[in-house]
Amino acid sequence: GFELLFMYYSFIKHPKKSEKWAHLAVIVTTLVYVFIALVTFVFYNQDQLQEILWGTITIWKIIEFPFFERFEHLGIAAWIFIVLPNICLTFWGAHRGIIEIFSFNKKLILSVIIIILVAASGFIEDRTSIEALRRFSGEVTFFFVYGYIPILFILQRLILKLRGGK
């Protein structure tokens, strides 16, 4: 999301030249999500959508090839190309943020983050724990986007105004 832009924008050497590639990436990702959503909405009726847990995987189960029986395994494996960049950027952003704020040893923080993630993944056992994690992360993200970032912006403007600079 745009929250990570605060972390990696300073590393972009030519922001204006990179802007078109950033927009292209957002457009492609949005089109993939819209396409999958449209296929799901066309395939299922409203009652089925309320009851089905993983709509896209269920659609993939219907696809059959004579040489490849379980197409959903291929679909899930291909989905990693959509999910992995987001995971890596979030992981890097957390690592970079901790280093910038607390100036700890980079390798130590990286090891601690990996251990925490591996240990936390052991607690995710079933659908309810995934749903609880999704709900919690949604609430934290909501606070971050609509609370923390605007408050930081207002504080920055107030400090600049009090200092009398631009």
Foldseek 3Di string as FASTA:
>chain_A
DCVLCVVCVVVDPDCVVCVVVVVVVVVVLVVVVVVLVVVLPVVDDPVVVVPDDDSSLVVQQVDDDPVDGRRSVVVVVVCCVVVVVVVVSVLVSVLSVCCVVPVDDSVVSNVVVVVVVVVVVVPPDDDVVVVVVVVVVVVVVVCVVPPVVVVVVVVVVVVCVVVVHD
